Structures are given as C-alpha cells and as structure tokens.
PDB file of N, CA and C in Angstrom:
ATOM      1  N   MET A   1     -14.832   5.373 -11.356  1.00  0.00           N
ATOM      2  CA  MET A   1     -15.272   5.629  -9.994  1.00  0.00           C
ATOM      3  C   MET A   1     -14.138   6.300  -9.232  1.00  0.00           C
ATOM      4  N   SER A   2     -14.432   7.426  -8.618  1.00  0.00           N
ATOM      5  CA  SER A   2     -13.390   8.115  -7.860  1.00  0.00           C
ATOM      6  C   SER A   2     -13.582   7.846  -6.374  1.00  0.00           C
ATOM      7  N   SER A   3     -12.493   7.880  -5.655  1.00  0.00           N
ATOM      8  CA  SER A   3     -12.568   7.636  -4.221  1.00  0.00           C
ATOM      9  C   SER A   3     -12.842   8.946  -3.488  1.00  0.00           C
ATOM     10  N   THR A   4     -13.331   8.835  -2.281  1.00  0.00           N
ATOM     11  CA  THR A   4     -13.573   9.999  -1.443  1.00  0.00           C
ATOM     12  C   THR A   4     -12.243  10.624  -1.068  1.00  0.00           C
ATOM     13  N   ARG A   5     -12.166  11.931  -1.181  1.00  0.00           N
ATOM     14  CA  ARG A   5     -10.932  12.636  -0.825  1.00  0.00           C
ATOM     15  C   ARG A   5     -10.962  12.996   0.655  1.00  0.00           C
ATOM     16  N   HIS A   6      -9.780  13.070   1.250  1.00  0.00           N
ATOM     17  CA  HIS A   6      -9.676  13.503   2.640  1.00  0.00           C
ATOM     18  C   HIS A   6     -10.115  14.953   2.756  1.00  0.00           C
ATOM     19  N   LYS A   7     -10.685  15.285   3.885  1.00  0.00           N
ATOM     20  CA  LYS A   7     -11.032  16.672   4.194  1.00  0.00           C
ATOM     21  C   LYS A   7     -10.273  17.013   5.475  1.00  0.00           C
ATOM     22  N   TRP A   8      -9.073  17.588   5.301  1.00  0.00           N
ATOM     23  CA  TRP A   8      -8.182  17.847   6.426  1.00  0.00           C
ATOM     24  C   TRP A   8      -8.673  19.030   7.243  1.00  0.00           C
ATOM     25  N   GLY A   9      -8.645  18.875   8.568  1.00  0.00           N
ATOM     26  CA  GLY A   9      -9.013  19.942   9.487  1.00  0.00           C
ATOM     27  C   GLY A   9      -7.863  20.924   9.666  1.00  0.00           C
ATOM     28  N   GLU A  10      -7.986  21.785  10.643  1.00  0.00           N
ATOM     29  CA  GLU A  10      -6.964  22.797  10.928  1.00  0.00           C
ATOM     30  C   GLU A  10      -5.651  22.140  11.346  1.00  0.00           C
ATOM     31  N   LYS A  11      -4.540  22.757  10.958  1.00  0.00           N
ATOM     32  CA  LYS A  11      -3.222  22.257  11.365  1.00  0.00           C
ATOM     33  C   LYS A  11      -2.963  22.606  12.824  1.00  0.00           C
ATOM     34  N   VAL A  12      -2.432  21.642  13.550  1.00  0.00           N
ATOM     35  CA  VAL A  12      -1.943  21.867  14.909  1.00  0.00           C
ATOM     36  C   VAL A  12      -0.431  21.870  14.794  1.00  0.00           C
ATOM     37  N   ARG A  13       0.201  22.961  15.187  1.00  0.00           N
ATOM     38  CA  ARG A  13       1.640  23.129  14.971  1.00  0.00           C
ATOM     39  C   ARG A  13       2.438  22.856  16.246  1.00  0.00           C
ATOM     40  N   PHE A  14       3.504  22.099  16.093  1.00  0.00           N
ATOM     41  CA  PHE A  14       4.464  21.798  17.143  1.00  0.00           C
ATOM     42  C   PHE A  14       5.834  22.213  16.625  1.00  0.00           C
ATOM     43  N   PRO A  15       6.868  22.263  17.482  1.00  0.00           N
ATOM     44  CA  PRO A  15       8.189  22.726  17.016  1.00  0.00           C
ATOM     45  C   PRO A  15       8.744  21.977  15.805  1.00  0.00           C
ATOM     46  N   LEU A  16       8.627  20.664  15.731  1.00  0.00           N
ATOM     47  CA  LEU A  16       9.208  19.915  14.616  1.00  0.00           C
ATOM     48  C   LEU A  16       8.190  19.101  13.827  1.00  0.00           C
ATOM     49  N   LYS A  17       6.894  19.416  13.999  1.00  0.00           N
ATOM     50  CA  LYS A  17       5.887  18.686  13.239  1.00  0.00           C
ATOM     51  C   LYS A  17       4.577  19.468  13.206  1.00  0.00           C
ATOM     52  N   THR A  18       3.710  19.083  12.280  1.00  0.00           N
ATOM     53  CA  THR A  18       2.336  19.576  12.237  1.00  0.00           C
ATOM     54  C   THR A  18       1.422  18.358  12.163  1.00  0.00           C
ATOM     55  N   GLU A  19       0.204  18.504  12.659  1.00  0.00           N
ATOM     56  CA  GLU A  19      -0.771  17.419  12.599  1.00  0.00           C
ATOM     57  C   GLU A  19      -2.086  17.952  12.056  1.00  0.00           C
ATOM     58  N   GLN A  20      -2.712  17.160  11.186  1.00  0.00           N
ATOM     59  CA  GLN A  20      -4.041  17.458  10.675  1.00  0.00           C
ATOM     60  C   GLN A  20      -4.854  16.179  10.714  1.00  0.00           C
ATOM     61  N   GLN A  21      -6.127  16.292  11.113  1.00  0.00           N
ATOM     62  CA  GLN A  21      -6.992  15.116  11.168  1.00  0.00           C
ATOM     63  C   GLN A  21      -8.055  15.226  10.082  1.00  0.00           C
ATOM     64  N   CYS A  22      -8.300  14.124   9.395  1.00  0.00           N
ATOM     65  CA  CYS A  22      -9.345  14.084   8.374  1.00  0.00           C
ATOM     66  C   CYS A  22     -10.705  14.059   9.073  1.00  0.00           C
ATOM     67  N   ILE A  23     -11.564  14.964   8.664  1.00  0.00           N
ATOM     68  CA  ILE A  23     -12.895  15.064   9.258  1.00  0.00           C
ATOM     69  C   ILE A  23     -13.756  13.864   8.873  1.00  0.00           C
ATOM     70  N   ARG A  24     -13.468  13.243   7.742  1.00  0.00           N
ATOM     71  CA  ARG A  24     -14.287  12.139   7.240  1.00  0.00           C
ATOM     72  C   ARG A  24     -13.899  10.771   7.793  1.00  0.00           C
ATOM     73  N   CYS A  25     -12.590  10.549   8.065  1.00  0.00           N
ATOM     74  CA  CYS A  25     -12.185   9.183   8.440  1.00  0.00           C
ATOM     75  C   CYS A  25     -11.284   9.112   9.678  1.00  0.00           C
ATOM     76  N   ASP A  26     -10.989  10.225  10.314  1.00  0.00           N
ATOM     77  CA  ASP A  26     -10.158  10.276  11.531  1.00  0.00           C
ATOM     78  C   ASP A  26      -8.691   9.943  11.310  1.00  0.00           C
ATOM     79  N   MET A  27      -8.242   9.803  10.069  1.00  0.00           N
ATOM     80  CA  MET A  27      -6.814   9.600   9.815  1.00  0.00           C
ATOM     81  C   MET A  27      -6.071  10.884  10.193  1.00  0.00           C
ATOM     82  N   VAL A  28      -4.879  10.732  10.741  1.00  0.00           N
ATOM     83  CA  VAL A  28      -4.060  11.881  11.106  1.00  0.00           C
ATOM     84  C   VAL A  28      -2.849  11.936  10.190  1.00  0.00           C
ATOM     85  N   LYS A  29      -2.647  13.101   9.591  1.00  0.00           N
ATOM     86  CA  LYS A  29      -1.479  13.346   8.738  1.00  0.00           C
ATOM     87  C   LYS A  29      -0.477  14.128   9.577  1.00  0.00           C
ATOM     88  N   VAL A  30       0.722  13.578   9.727  1.00  0.00           N
ATOM     89  CA  VAL A  30       1.777  14.211  10.512  1.00  0.00           C
ATOM     90  C   VAL A  30       2.886  14.629   9.557  1.00  0.00           C
ATOM     91  N   GLY A  31       3.158  15.914   9.504  1.00  0.00           N
ATOM     92  CA  GLY A  31       4.270  16.431   8.710  1.00  0.00           C
ATOM     93  C   GLY A  31       5.453  16.637   9.634  1.00  0.00           C
ATOM     94  N   ARG A  32       6.541  15.933   9.400  1.00  0.00           N
ATOM     95  CA  ARG A  32       7.719  16.012  10.270  1.00  0.00           C
ATOM     96  C   ARG A  32       8.849  16.752   9.577  1.00  0.00           C
ATOM     97  N   ARG A  33       9.619  17.507  10.377  1.00  0.00           N
ATOM     98  CA  ARG A  33      10.755  18.263   9.859  1.00  0.00           C
ATOM     99  C   ARG A  33      11.989  17.973  10.696  1.00  0.00           C
ATOM    100  N   GLU A  34      13.087  17.684  10.021  1.00  0.00           N
ATOM    101  CA  GLU A  34      14.378  17.486  10.688  1.00  0.00           C
ATOM    102  C   GLU A  34      15.468  18.032   9.794  1.00  0.00           C
ATOM    103  N   ARG A  35      16.601  18.279  10.381  1.00  0.00           N
ATOM    104  CA  ARG A  35      17.755  18.695   9.585  1.00  0.00           C
ATOM    105  C   ARG A  35      18.328  17.489   8.868  1.00  0.00           C
ATOM    106  N   GLY A  36      19.084  17.758   7.840  1.00  0.00           N
ATOM    107  CA  GLY A  36      19.735  16.671   7.118  1.00  0.00           C
ATOM    108  C   GLY A  36      19.032  16.359   5.817  1.00  0.00           C
ATOM    109  N   PRO A  37      19.472  15.291   5.165  1.00  0.00           N
ATOM    110  CA  PRO A  37      18.955  14.964   3.836  1.00  0.00           C
ATOM    111  C   PRO A  37      17.465  14.606   3.822  1.00  0.00           C
ATOM    112  N   ALA A  38      16.952  14.034   4.897  1.00  0.00           N
ATOM    113  CA  ALA A  38      15.529  13.672   4.922  1.00  0.00           C
ATOM    114  C   ALA A  38      14.664  14.927   4.919  1.00  0.00           C
ATOM    115  N   GLY A  39      15.025  15.920   5.703  1.00  0.00           N
ATOM    116  CA  GLY A  39      14.351  17.212   5.706  1.00  0.00           C
ATOM    117  C   GLY A  39      12.904  17.196   6.142  1.00  0.00           C
ATOM    118  N   TYR A  40      12.000  16.786   5.271  1.00  0.00           N
ATOM    119  CA  TYR A  40      10.565  16.818   5.543  1.00  0.00           C
ATOM    120  C   TYR A  40       9.914  15.555   4.976  1.00  0.00           C
ATOM    121  N   TRP A  41       8.993  15.002   5.723  1.00  0.00           N
ATOM    122  CA  TRP A  41       8.224  13.859   5.217  1.00  0.00           C
ATOM    123  C   TRP A  41       6.879  13.802   5.940  1.00  0.00           C
ATOM    124  N   ASP A  42       5.938  13.101   5.340  1.00  0.00           N
ATOM    125  CA  ASP A  42       4.608  12.919   5.920  1.00  0.00           C
ATOM    126  C   ASP A  42       4.452  11.497   6.434  1.00  0.00           C
ATOM    127  N   GLU A  43       3.748  11.377   7.542  1.00  0.00           N
ATOM    128  CA  GLU A  43       3.356  10.076   8.090  1.00  0.00           C
ATOM    129  C   GLU A  43       1.840  10.089   8.229  1.00  0.00           C
ATOM    130  N   PHE A  44       1.226   8.921   8.155  1.00  0.00           N
ATOM    131  CA  PHE A  44      -0.222   8.811   8.298  1.00  0.00           C
ATOM    132  C   PHE A  44      -0.528   7.821   9.407  1.00  0.00           C
ATOM    133  N   TRP A  45      -1.464   8.190  10.292  1.00  0.00           N
ATOM    134  CA  TRP A  45      -1.810   7.385  11.455  1.00  0.00           C
ATOM    135  C   TRP A  45      -3.322   7.231  11.535  1.00  0.00           C
ATOM    136  N   ARG A  46      -3.778   6.051  11.977  1.00  0.00           N
ATOM    137  CA  ARG A  46      -5.193   5.818  12.260  1.00  0.00           C
ATOM    138  C   ARG A  46      -5.264   4.862  13.436  1.00  0.00           C
ATOM    139  N   ASP A  47      -6.112   5.189  14.391  1.00  0.00           N
ATOM    140  CA  ASP A  47      -6.295   4.360  15.592  1.00  0.00           C
ATOM    141  C   ASP A  47      -4.958   4.084  16.283  1.00  0.00           C
ATOM    142  N   GLU A  48      -4.117   5.117  16.372  1.00  0.00           N
ATOM    143  CA  GLU A  48      -2.810   5.069  17.039  1.00  0.00           C
ATOM    144  C   GLU A  48      -1.829   4.096  16.388  1.00  0.00           C
ATOM    145  N   GLU A  49      -2.078   3.696  15.141  1.00  0.00           N
ATOM    146  CA  GLU A  49      -1.155   2.830  14.405  1.00  0.00           C
ATOM    147  C   GLU A  49      -0.704   3.548  13.145  1.00  0.00           C
ATOM    148  N   ARG A  50       0.599   3.506  12.898  1.00  0.00           N
ATOM    149  CA  ARG A  50       1.137   4.154  11.707  1.00  0.00           C
ATOM    150  C   ARG A  50       0.802   3.322  10.472  1.00  0.00           C
ATOM    151  N   ILE A  51       0.414   4.000   9.410  1.00  0.00           N
ATOM    152  CA  ILE A  51       0.139   3.357   8.130  1.00  0.00           C
ATOM    153  C   ILE A  51       1.365   3.583   7.260  1.00  0.00           C
ATOM    154  N   HIS A  52       2.087   2.528   6.950  1.00  0.00           N
ATOM    155  CA  HIS A  52       3.291   2.640   6.123  1.00  0.00           C
ATOM    156  C   HIS A  52       2.871   2.653   4.659  1.00  0.00           C
ATOM    157  N   CYS A  53       3.233   3.730   3.956  1.00  0.00           N
ATOM    158  CA  CYS A  53       2.809   3.891   2.569  1.00  0.00           C
ATOM    159  C   CYS A  53       3.748   4.851   1.848  1.00  0.00           C
ATOM    160  N   THR A  54       3.670   4.860   0.526  1.00  0.00           N
ATOM    161  CA  THR A  54       4.478   5.784  -0.268  1.00  0.00           C
ATOM    162  C   THR A  54       3.659   6.972  -0.755  1.00  0.00           C
ATOM    163  N   ALA A  55       2.333   6.883  -0.685  1.00  0.00           N
ATOM    164  CA  ALA A  55       1.444   7.977  -1.078  1.00  0.00           C
ATOM    165  C   ALA A  55       0.321   8.082  -0.044  1.00  0.00           C
ATOM    166  N   THR A  56      -0.450   9.134  -0.113  1.00  0.00           N
ATOM    167  CA  THR A  56      -1.547   9.323   0.834  1.00  0.00           C
ATOM    168  C   THR A  56      -2.558   8.182   0.705  1.00  0.00           C
ATOM    169  N   PRO A  57      -2.858   7.469   1.810  1.00  0.00           N
ATOM    170  CA  PRO A  57      -3.846   6.389   1.758  1.00  0.00           C
ATOM    171  C   PRO A  57      -5.237   6.940   1.429  1.00  0.00           C
ATOM    172  N   ALA A  58      -6.067   6.127   0.849  1.00  0.00           N
ATOM    173  CA  ALA A  58      -7.425   6.549   0.493  1.00  0.00           C
ATOM    174  C   ALA A  58      -8.258   6.821   1.739  1.00  0.00           C
ATOM    175  N   CYS A  59      -9.184   7.736   1.600  1.00  0.00           N
ATOM    176  CA  CYS A  59     -10.124   8.051   2.682  1.00  0.00           C
ATOM    177  C   CYS A  59     -11.273   7.053   2.605  1.00  0.00           C
ATOM    178  N   ASP A  60     -11.617   6.438   3.738  1.00  0.00           N
ATOM    179  CA  ASP A  60     -12.729   5.484   3.719  1.00  0.00           C
ATOM    180  C   ASP A  60     -14.025   6.094   4.259  1.00  0.00           C
ATOM    181  N   ALA A  61     -13.986   7.360   4.630  1.00  0.00           N
ATOM    182  CA  ALA A  61     -15.175   8.108   5.061  1.00  0.00           C
ATOM    183  C   ALA A  61     -15.975   7.378   6.136  1.00  0.00           C
ATOM    184  N   ARG A  62     -15.297   6.724   7.052  1.00  0.00           N
ATOM    185  CA  ARG A  62     -15.992   5.933   8.076  1.00  0.00           C
ATOM    186  C   ARG A  62     -16.865   6.788   8.989  1.00  0.00           C
ATOM    187  N   ARG A  63     -16.483   8.034   9.259  1.00  0.00           N
ATOM    188  CA  ARG A  63     -17.307   8.887  10.118  1.00  0.00           C
ATOM    189  C   ARG A  63     -18.599   9.274   9.422  1.00  0.00           C
ATOM    190  N   GLU A  64     -18.542   9.536   8.107  1.00  0.00           N
ATOM    191  CA  GLU A  64     -19.756   9.882   7.368  1.00  0.00           C
ATOM    192  C   GLU A  64     -20.695   8.683   7.277  1.00  0.00           C
ATOM    193  N   ALA A  65     -20.155   7.482   7.175  1.00  0.00           N
ATOM    194  CA  ALA A  65     -20.977   6.274   7.100  1.00  0.00           C
ATOM    195  C   ALA A  65     -21.723   6.044   8.414  1.00  0.00           C
ATOM    196  N   VAL A  66     -21.079   6.344   9.545  1.00  0.00           N
ATOM    197  CA  VAL A  66     -21.706   6.168  10.854  1.00  0.00           C
ATOM    198  C   VAL A  66     -22.803   7.201  11.053  1.00  0.00           C
ATOM    199  N   ALA A  67     -22.581   8.441  10.591  1.00  0.00           N
ATOM    200  CA  ALA A  67     -23.548   9.516  10.768  1.00  0.00           C
ATOM    201  C   ALA A  67     -24.795   9.330   9.902  1.00  0.00           C
ATOM    202  N   ALA A  68     -24.678   8.599   8.812  1.00  0.00           N
ATOM    203  CA  ALA A  68     -25.812   8.449   7.868  1.00  0.00           C
ATOM    204  C   ALA A  68     -26.873   7.518   8.374  1.00  0.00           C
TER     205      ALA A  68
END
C-alpha cells in the first residue's frame, strides 16, 4: 500500500526562504537558506505548528477527504 504523495503548489519566494503549500493536506514546506555550514534545509508546518522530522512527513490528504 502506498501513501498519498504531496502535491506542492507554486513556490512563493522571499529573500532567504521559499514556501510551498500542499494542495491535498495544507502542509507548508519552507526551504530556508543561510550562510555557513547549515546552508539550506527544509521545514514542514501544519496549522501554524512546526513538524519536527528528518524526512518529508506523509500527506494525509485531509482536503480531498473533506471535498468527497
């Protein structure tokens, strides 16, 4: 059984980050850029709370479930 994949919308670009929202579950992927050894990393947010993880969290397709 495979899980539903995120369907990322258009990137919104800011000086030191980009944001994309999943059309299926409203999760926001934030790509951050800074100088130094960290350089670039992704953060994931849902309902204004950061999801701490080492890989992209699964899509729960909550918006598609509500529309059905």
